[in-house]
Amino acid sequence: MARVLMLFNRPRAERLAAAEAGACPDELLYGLRTLRRRGFDVITTDEGFGPVFGGRWLKALDNWLSRGGERTGFNLKQAWRLRRLCRRVDLVFATADSSALPVLLLQALGVVRTPVVYASIGLAETFGRPAGLVYGLYRRLLRRAARVLVYALPEATALTRLFALPPGQVRFVPFGVDAEFFDVPTSTMGAPLAFGLDQHRDWPTLFSAAAGLPGSIDVIANPDRLRGLAVPRNVNLVPPASVAEIRERLRAARFVVLPVRENNYSGGTISLLQAMACGKAVIVSQTRAIEAGYGLVDGKNCLLVPPGDVPALAAAMNALHRDFDLVARLGVAAAAHVRAAHPIERLADGIEAAWREACG
């Protein structure tokens, strides 16, 4: 069976240890454990984040190469430190653009010959104008990838168009979650919960909608995203927590609210599927990223509201406050839907198919 080097965009030792202790679901490792159970020799290491000779110059080059992508990143230091390991495996699977593009650059320079499959998250949306030296480089590097996976259908179209990629190179792989991790007894006696750390969470819309809510709501957010916002008195800000702690809060929450700004990639998708797997009624913004490919049906397995629509979000939250039967019905349907359509095995299926094609 193929030996695969899985690259992450930040150190993962702590999360791997938590997974071994049963305190981290497999989707946060992009299906690593599931793929190992299928026979793949998947290895990963944090050595790429250690110091390297000339690191300051590599960082300067990284900054220049990622400027066209604004927040994309270009972790050349990681690729350089792991170049020998990259040559000793059958396949490199990078879970982010910042880890994949540098390996593809080393491949273009003849330093690495190993095929690369990678998951792109937001590159099409954050890159910028399709012009300039960096754009030309990215376009050439992306064409070298054996497969580029995305977690939202609109992103597949956007990425293919922006970089003029060959048909079929970019593939939509729906996210899946480790449903067993979230299969815990639940209650609806606690406060509603909103959580998420990514830059697409729409906290201003939530705070405006929550101001007239009968009761309080707990919010787990990145403090940097809350700076300058007026927080209503009935909003209880909770410090960022581990996924195991979030699971406990999900267990007690009356329902879950996921306000997301419009985007064409996977912003909010993992949180949505995790909350649904926990059997919670979920209100989520109907962004392009979740409109297709995830089987969401308003009023059947969730409540969908237009992004940025304060009255619609407030109405949905009030409806779940008033209607216990609706909360229960949506929660049961949500859990059933995730287990049938989006288990971690489905994510692994898509990744495995790309790996096998890349390995010939």
Protein backbone atom coordinates (compact mmCIF):
# COMPACT_ATOMS: atom_id res chain seq x y z
CA MET A 1 0.00 0.00 0.00
CA ALA A 2 1.16 3.53 -0.77
CA ARG A 3 3.23 5.49 1.73
CA VAL A 4 1.78 8.99 2.04
CA LEU A 5 3.25 12.08 3.69
CA MET A 6 0.41 14.23 5.02
CA LEU A 7 1.36 17.89 5.45
CA PHE A 8 -0.49 20.34 7.68
CA ASN A 9 -0.26 24.13 7.69
CA ARG A 10 0.57 24.27 11.42
CA PRO A 11 1.98 21.84 14.02
CA ARG A 12 -0.33 18.93 14.73
CA ALA A 13 1.46 16.97 17.50
CA GLU A 14 -0.96 18.17 20.15
CA ARG A 15 -3.99 17.33 18.06
CA LEU A 16 -2.58 13.91 17.16
CA ALA A 17 -2.06 13.19 20.86
CA ALA A 18 -5.63 14.28 21.58
CA ALA A 19 -6.89 11.98 18.84
CA GLU A 20 -5.03 9.04 20.37
CA ALA A 21 -6.75 9.86 23.68
CA GLY A 22 -10.16 9.96 22.00
CA ALA A 23 -10.45 13.73 22.42
CA CYS A 24 -10.23 14.84 18.77
CA PRO A 25 -12.45 13.80 15.83
CA ASP A 26 -10.80 12.55 12.66
CA GLU A 27 -12.06 15.37 10.42
CA LEU A 28 -9.67 17.73 12.19
CA LEU A 29 -6.88 15.46 10.92
CA TYR A 30 -8.46 15.28 7.45
CA GLY A 31 -9.28 11.60 7.81
CA LEU A 32 -5.73 10.50 8.72
CA ARG A 33 -6.81 7.72 11.09
CA THR A 34 -9.56 6.50 8.79
CA LEU A 35 -7.15 6.29 5.85
CA ARG A 36 -4.64 4.42 7.99
CA ARG A 37 -7.33 1.89 8.86
CA ARG A 38 -7.81 1.38 5.13
CA GLY A 39 -4.21 0.27 4.82
CA PHE A 40 -2.40 3.45 3.76
CA ASP A 41 0.93 4.08 5.45
CA VAL A 42 0.19 7.71 6.32
CA ILE A 43 2.99 9.57 8.08
CA THR A 44 3.12 13.15 9.32
CA THR A 45 5.65 15.29 11.15
CA ASP A 46 6.04 18.73 12.67
CA GLU A 47 9.74 18.88 11.73
CA GLY A 48 8.93 21.23 8.88
CA PHE A 49 8.16 23.99 11.37
CA GLY A 50 11.56 23.91 13.06
CA PRO A 51 14.43 26.35 12.46
CA VAL A 52 16.40 26.15 9.23
CA PHE A 53 19.57 27.82 7.96
CA GLY A 54 18.56 30.90 5.98
CA GLY A 55 15.12 30.85 7.54
CA ARG A 56 14.88 34.65 7.54
CA TRP A 57 15.47 34.76 3.79
CA LEU A 58 13.00 31.95 3.20
CA LYS A 59 10.41 33.85 5.24
CA ALA A 60 10.98 36.97 3.15
CA LEU A 61 10.49 34.89 0.00
CA ASP A 62 7.37 33.33 1.51
CA ASN A 63 5.93 36.80 2.15
CA TRP A 64 6.57 37.88 -1.42
CA LEU A 65 5.14 34.70 -2.94
CA SER A 66 1.99 34.81 -0.79
CA ARG A 67 1.32 38.53 -1.23
CA GLY A 68 -0.79 37.89 -4.28
CA GLY A 69 -2.88 35.55 -2.19
CA GLU A 70 -3.24 37.92 0.74
CA ARG A 71 -3.70 35.27 3.43
CA THR A 72 -2.78 32.15 1.45
CA GLY A 73 0.72 31.72 2.83
CA PHE A 74 3.64 29.94 1.19
CA ASN A 75 5.52 27.86 3.74
CA LEU A 76 8.68 27.21 1.75
CA LYS A 77 10.63 26.50 4.93
CA GLN A 78 8.44 23.47 5.66
CA ALA A 79 8.86 22.08 2.15
CA TRP A 80 12.63 22.62 2.19
CA ARG A 81 13.12 20.96 5.58
CA LEU A 82 11.06 17.96 4.46
CA ARG A 83 12.40 17.67 0.91
CA ARG A 84 14.26 14.41 1.61
CA LEU A 85 11.22 12.87 3.26
CA CYS A 86 9.11 13.99 0.30
CA ARG A 87 11.42 12.00 -1.97
CA ARG A 88 11.06 8.84 0.13
CA VAL A 89 7.27 8.56 -0.02
CA ASP A 90 4.92 7.55 -2.82
CA LEU A 91 2.67 10.59 -2.49
CA VAL A 92 2.50 13.96 -0.74
CA PHE A 93 -0.94 15.00 0.48
CA ALA A 94 -1.07 18.62 1.67
CA THR A 95 -4.12 19.79 3.58
CA ALA A 96 -3.70 23.48 2.68
CA ASP A 97 -2.41 25.69 -0.13
CA SER A 98 0.43 27.05 2.01
CA SER A 99 1.89 23.56 2.43
CA ALA A 100 1.20 22.30 -1.09
CA LEU A 101 2.41 25.13 -3.30
CA PRO A 102 6.01 25.11 -1.96
CA VAL A 103 6.30 21.35 -2.55
CA LEU A 104 5.04 21.90 -6.09
CA LEU A 105 7.73 24.59 -6.49
CA LEU A 106 10.42 22.11 -5.40
CA GLN A 107 8.90 19.65 -7.85
CA ALA A 108 9.17 22.23 -10.65
CA LEU A 109 12.83 22.79 -9.71
CA GLY A 110 13.54 19.05 -9.85
CA VAL A 111 14.23 18.76 -6.11
CA VAL A 112 11.16 16.56 -5.54
CA ARG A 113 9.57 14.18 -8.03
CA THR A 114 6.83 12.74 -5.83
CA PRO A 115 3.25 13.38 -7.02
CA VAL A 116 1.23 15.87 -4.98
CA VAL A 117 -2.46 15.83 -4.13
CA TYR A 118 -3.73 18.68 -2.04
CA ALA A 119 -6.81 20.30 -0.56
CA SER A 120 -7.27 23.95 -1.44
CA ILE A 121 -9.16 26.10 1.06
CA GLY A 122 -10.06 29.57 -0.13
CA LEU A 123 -7.31 30.17 -2.69
CA ALA A 124 -9.75 31.16 -5.43
CA GLU A 125 -11.48 33.65 -3.15
CA THR A 126 -8.47 35.25 -1.51
CA PHE A 127 -5.87 35.30 -4.27
CA GLY A 128 -6.76 38.55 -5.97
CA ARG A 129 -6.48 39.58 -9.61
CA PRO A 130 -5.45 36.99 -12.24
CA ALA A 131 -2.33 38.92 -13.24
CA GLY A 132 1.29 39.40 -12.30
CA LEU A 133 4.34 37.24 -11.65
CA VAL A 134 2.90 35.50 -8.57
CA TYR A 135 -0.29 34.64 -10.43
CA GLY A 136 1.69 33.16 -13.30
CA LEU A 137 3.77 31.10 -10.87
CA TYR A 138 0.73 29.80 -8.99
CA ARG A 139 -0.96 28.87 -12.24
CA ARG A 140 2.04 26.81 -13.33
CA LEU A 141 2.39 25.19 -9.91
CA LEU A 142 -1.29 24.28 -9.66
CA ARG A 143 -1.09 22.54 -13.02
CA ARG A 144 1.63 20.28 -11.59
CA ALA A 145 -0.67 18.91 -8.88
CA ALA A 146 -2.01 15.44 -9.59
CA ARG A 147 -5.36 16.49 -8.07
CA VAL A 148 -6.64 19.56 -6.25
CA LEU A 149 -9.47 18.83 -3.82
CA VAL A 150 -11.98 21.38 -2.56
CA TYR A 151 -14.79 21.11 -0.01
CA ALA A 152 -17.37 23.28 -1.78
CA LEU A 153 -18.79 23.00 -5.30
CA PRO A 154 -18.54 26.74 -6.10
CA GLU A 155 -14.87 26.70 -5.18
CA ALA A 156 -14.16 24.00 -7.75
CA THR A 157 -15.61 26.22 -10.48
CA ALA A 158 -13.92 29.37 -9.20
CA LEU A 159 -10.48 27.77 -8.85
CA THR A 160 -10.64 26.16 -12.30
CA ARG A 161 -11.63 29.45 -13.93
CA LEU A 162 -9.20 31.70 -12.04
CA PHE A 163 -6.12 29.61 -12.84
CA ALA A 164 -7.34 28.14 -16.16
CA LEU A 165 -6.85 24.58 -14.91
CA PRO A 166 -7.56 21.47 -16.99
CA PRO A 167 -11.05 19.97 -16.66
CA GLY A 168 -11.20 17.31 -13.94
CA GLN A 169 -8.05 18.39 -12.12
CA VAL A 170 -10.07 20.14 -9.39
CA ARG A 171 -12.44 17.82 -7.58
CA PHE A 172 -15.21 18.51 -5.07
CA VAL A 173 -14.94 16.24 -2.04
CA PRO A 174 -17.74 16.81 0.50
CA PHE A 175 -16.53 17.07 4.06
CA GLY A 176 -17.41 14.33 6.50
CA VAL A 177 -17.27 14.18 10.28
CA ASP A 178 -16.41 11.55 12.87
CA ALA A 179 -20.03 10.94 13.89
CA GLU A 180 -19.07 8.51 16.66
CA PHE A 181 -17.12 11.26 18.40
CA PHE A 182 -20.29 13.35 18.61
CA ASP A 183 -22.61 10.44 19.43
CA VAL A 184 -23.19 11.54 23.02
CA PRO A 185 -26.37 11.97 25.08
CA THR A 186 -27.74 15.47 24.53
CA SER A 187 -30.02 17.90 26.26
CA THR A 188 -31.84 21.05 25.14
CA MET A 189 -31.83 22.75 28.52
CA GLY A 190 -28.81 24.99 28.01
CA ALA A 191 -28.45 28.30 26.21
CA PRO A 192 -28.21 28.39 22.41
CA LEU A 193 -24.63 28.16 21.15
CA ALA A 194 -22.77 29.93 18.35
CA PHE A 195 -19.16 28.93 17.72
CA GLY A 196 -16.36 29.22 15.21
CA LEU A 197 -12.93 30.80 14.83
CA ASP A 198 -12.65 31.41 11.08
CA GLN A 199 -12.69 34.82 9.42
CA HIS A 200 -16.07 34.25 7.75
CA ARG A 201 -18.12 34.12 10.95
CA ASP A 202 -20.63 36.97 10.87
CA TRP A 203 -20.71 38.11 14.48
CA PRO A 204 -22.17 41.58 13.78
CA THR A 205 -25.28 40.00 12.24
CA LEU A 206 -25.60 37.54 15.12
CA PHE A 207 -25.25 40.26 17.77
CA SER A 208 -27.89 42.40 16.07
CA ALA A 209 -30.28 39.44 15.82
CA ALA A 210 -29.60 38.26 19.38
CA ALA A 211 -30.27 41.64 20.98
CA GLY A 212 -34.02 40.95 21.11
CA LEU A 213 -33.72 37.25 21.92
CA PRO A 214 -35.68 36.00 24.95
CA GLY A 215 -32.77 34.64 26.95
CA SER A 216 -29.02 34.44 26.55
CA ILE A 217 -26.77 32.86 23.94
CA ASP A 218 -23.23 31.51 24.37
CA VAL A 219 -20.64 32.53 21.77
CA ILE A 220 -17.25 30.87 21.25
CA ALA A 221 -15.26 33.11 18.93
CA ASN A 222 -11.80 34.31 18.06
CA PRO A 223 -11.38 37.45 20.20
CA ASP A 224 -9.63 39.20 17.30
CA ARG A 225 -12.87 38.94 15.28
CA LEU A 226 -14.85 40.68 18.01
CA ARG A 227 -12.74 43.81 18.39
CA GLY A 228 -14.78 46.97 18.08
CA LEU A 229 -18.12 45.16 18.17
CA ALA A 230 -20.87 46.09 20.61
CA VAL A 231 -21.75 42.88 22.44
CA PRO A 232 -25.40 42.66 23.63
CA ARG A 233 -25.95 42.04 27.33
CA ASN A 234 -27.55 38.66 26.67
CA VAL A 235 -24.49 37.35 24.77
CA ASN A 236 -22.11 35.31 26.92
CA LEU A 237 -18.63 35.29 25.39
CA VAL A 238 -16.81 32.01 26.03
CA PRO A 239 -13.03 31.69 25.49
CA PRO A 240 -11.93 29.45 22.57
CA ALA A 241 -12.02 25.84 23.71
CA SER A 242 -10.82 22.41 22.64
CA VAL A 243 -13.07 20.38 20.41
CA ALA A 244 -13.84 18.06 23.34
CA GLU A 245 -15.02 21.06 25.35
CA ILE A 246 -17.08 22.32 22.41
CA ARG A 247 -18.68 18.87 22.21
CA GLU A 248 -19.78 19.22 25.84
CA ARG A 249 -21.28 22.63 25.12
CA LEU A 250 -23.02 21.22 22.05
CA ARG A 251 -24.39 18.44 24.22
CA ALA A 252 -26.18 20.94 26.46
CA ALA A 253 -27.18 23.61 23.93
CA ARG A 254 -30.81 24.21 23.11
CA PHE A 255 -29.88 24.84 19.48
CA VAL A 256 -26.89 26.06 17.44
CA VAL A 257 -26.51 29.24 15.39
CA LEU A 258 -23.83 29.54 12.69
CA PRO A 259 -23.85 33.01 11.14
CA VAL A 260 -21.49 33.02 8.15
CA ARG A 261 -20.59 35.71 5.63
CA GLU A 262 -21.08 34.86 1.98
CA ASN A 263 -18.20 32.75 0.62
CA ASN A 264 -17.64 30.11 -2.02
CA TYR A 265 -15.51 27.74 0.01
CA SER A 266 -15.94 25.75 3.20
CA GLY A 267 -16.32 28.49 5.84
CA GLY A 268 -18.52 27.08 8.61
CA THR A 269 -19.01 23.65 7.04
CA ILE A 270 -17.15 21.58 9.64
CA SER A 271 -18.91 23.30 12.55
CA LEU A 272 -22.25 22.76 10.83
CA LEU A 273 -21.72 19.04 10.33
CA GLN A 274 -20.36 18.60 13.85
CA ALA A 275 -23.40 20.29 15.38
CA MET A 276 -25.74 18.21 13.21
CA ALA A 277 -23.88 15.01 14.15
CA CYS A 278 -24.51 15.94 17.79
CA GLY A 279 -28.24 15.94 17.06
CA LYS A 280 -28.73 19.68 17.30
CA ALA A 281 -31.18 21.92 15.50
CA VAL A 282 -28.95 24.30 13.56
CA ILE A 283 -29.57 27.72 12.03
CA VAL A 284 -26.96 28.41 9.35
CA SER A 285 -26.41 31.11 6.74
CA GLN A 286 -27.18 29.83 3.25
CA THR A 287 -23.86 30.68 1.64
CA ARG A 288 -22.74 29.46 -1.78
CA ALA A 289 -20.43 27.00 -0.03
CA ILE A 290 -23.32 24.99 1.45
CA GLU A 291 -26.10 25.55 -1.09
CA ALA A 292 -25.14 22.45 -3.06
CA GLY A 293 -23.39 19.22 -2.22
CA TYR A 294 -24.39 18.87 1.42
CA GLY A 295 -28.07 17.94 1.16
CA LEU A 296 -29.35 20.73 3.41
CA VAL A 297 -33.09 21.32 3.29
CA ASP A 298 -34.61 24.29 5.09
CA GLY A 299 -37.15 23.19 7.68
CA LYS A 300 -36.24 19.53 7.30
CA ASN A 301 -32.72 19.02 8.66
CA CYS A 302 -31.76 22.63 9.48
CA LEU A 303 -32.96 26.22 9.18
CA LEU A 304 -31.35 28.24 6.38
CA VAL A 305 -31.26 32.06 6.45
CA PRO A 306 -29.79 34.50 3.91
CA PRO A 307 -26.29 35.68 4.85
CA GLY A 308 -26.31 39.01 6.68
CA ASP A 309 -30.11 39.06 7.07
CA VAL A 310 -30.71 40.20 10.65
CA PRO A 311 -34.55 39.92 10.64
CA ALA A 312 -34.43 36.41 9.13
CA LEU A 313 -31.86 35.24 11.67
CA ALA A 314 -33.79 36.76 14.55
CA ALA A 315 -37.01 35.10 13.36
CA ALA A 316 -35.32 31.70 13.11
CA MET A 317 -33.81 32.02 16.58
CA ASN A 318 -37.15 33.04 18.07
CA ALA A 319 -38.87 30.13 16.32
CA LEU A 320 -36.49 27.63 17.95
CA HIS A 321 -36.92 29.34 21.31
CA ARG A 322 -40.69 28.91 21.13
CA ASP A 323 -41.11 25.53 19.44
CA PHE A 324 -39.72 22.54 21.37
CA ASP A 325 -41.15 20.12 18.81
CA LEU A 326 -39.32 21.88 15.96
CA VAL A 327 -36.06 21.76 17.91
CA ALA A 328 -36.45 18.02 18.51
CA ARG A 329 -37.51 17.23 14.95
CA LEU A 330 -34.66 19.16 13.34
CA GLY A 331 -32.14 17.62 15.72
CA VAL A 332 -33.18 14.05 14.94
CA ALA A 333 -33.19 14.74 11.19
CA ALA A 334 -29.80 16.48 11.37
CA ALA A 335 -28.12 13.55 13.10
CA ALA A 336 -29.65 11.04 10.68
CA HIS A 337 -28.58 13.10 7.67
CA VAL A 338 -24.94 13.43 8.74
CA ARG A 339 -24.63 9.74 9.58
CA ALA A 340 -26.11 8.73 6.23
CA ALA A 341 -24.56 11.33 3.91
CA HIS A 342 -21.50 12.85 5.59
CA PRO A 343 -19.66 10.39 7.81
CA ILE A 344 -15.88 10.59 7.96
CA GLU A 345 -15.79 7.59 5.60
CA ARG A 346 -17.22 9.72 2.80
CA LEU A 347 -14.43 12.26 3.17
CA ALA A 348 -11.93 9.40 3.17
CA ASP A 349 -13.54 7.97 0.02
CA GLY A 350 -12.89 11.17 -1.91
CA ILE A 351 -9.33 11.53 -0.68
CA GLU A 352 -8.54 7.86 -1.29
CA ALA A 353 -9.84 8.04 -4.87
CA ALA A 354 -7.54 11.00 -5.59
CA TRP A 355 -4.59 9.25 -3.98
CA ARG A 356 -5.06 6.11 -6.05
CA GLU A 357 -5.33 8.09 -9.27
CA ALA A 358 -2.20 10.05 -8.44
CA CYS A 359 -0.25 6.88 -7.68
CA GLY A 360 -1.32 5.34 -10.97
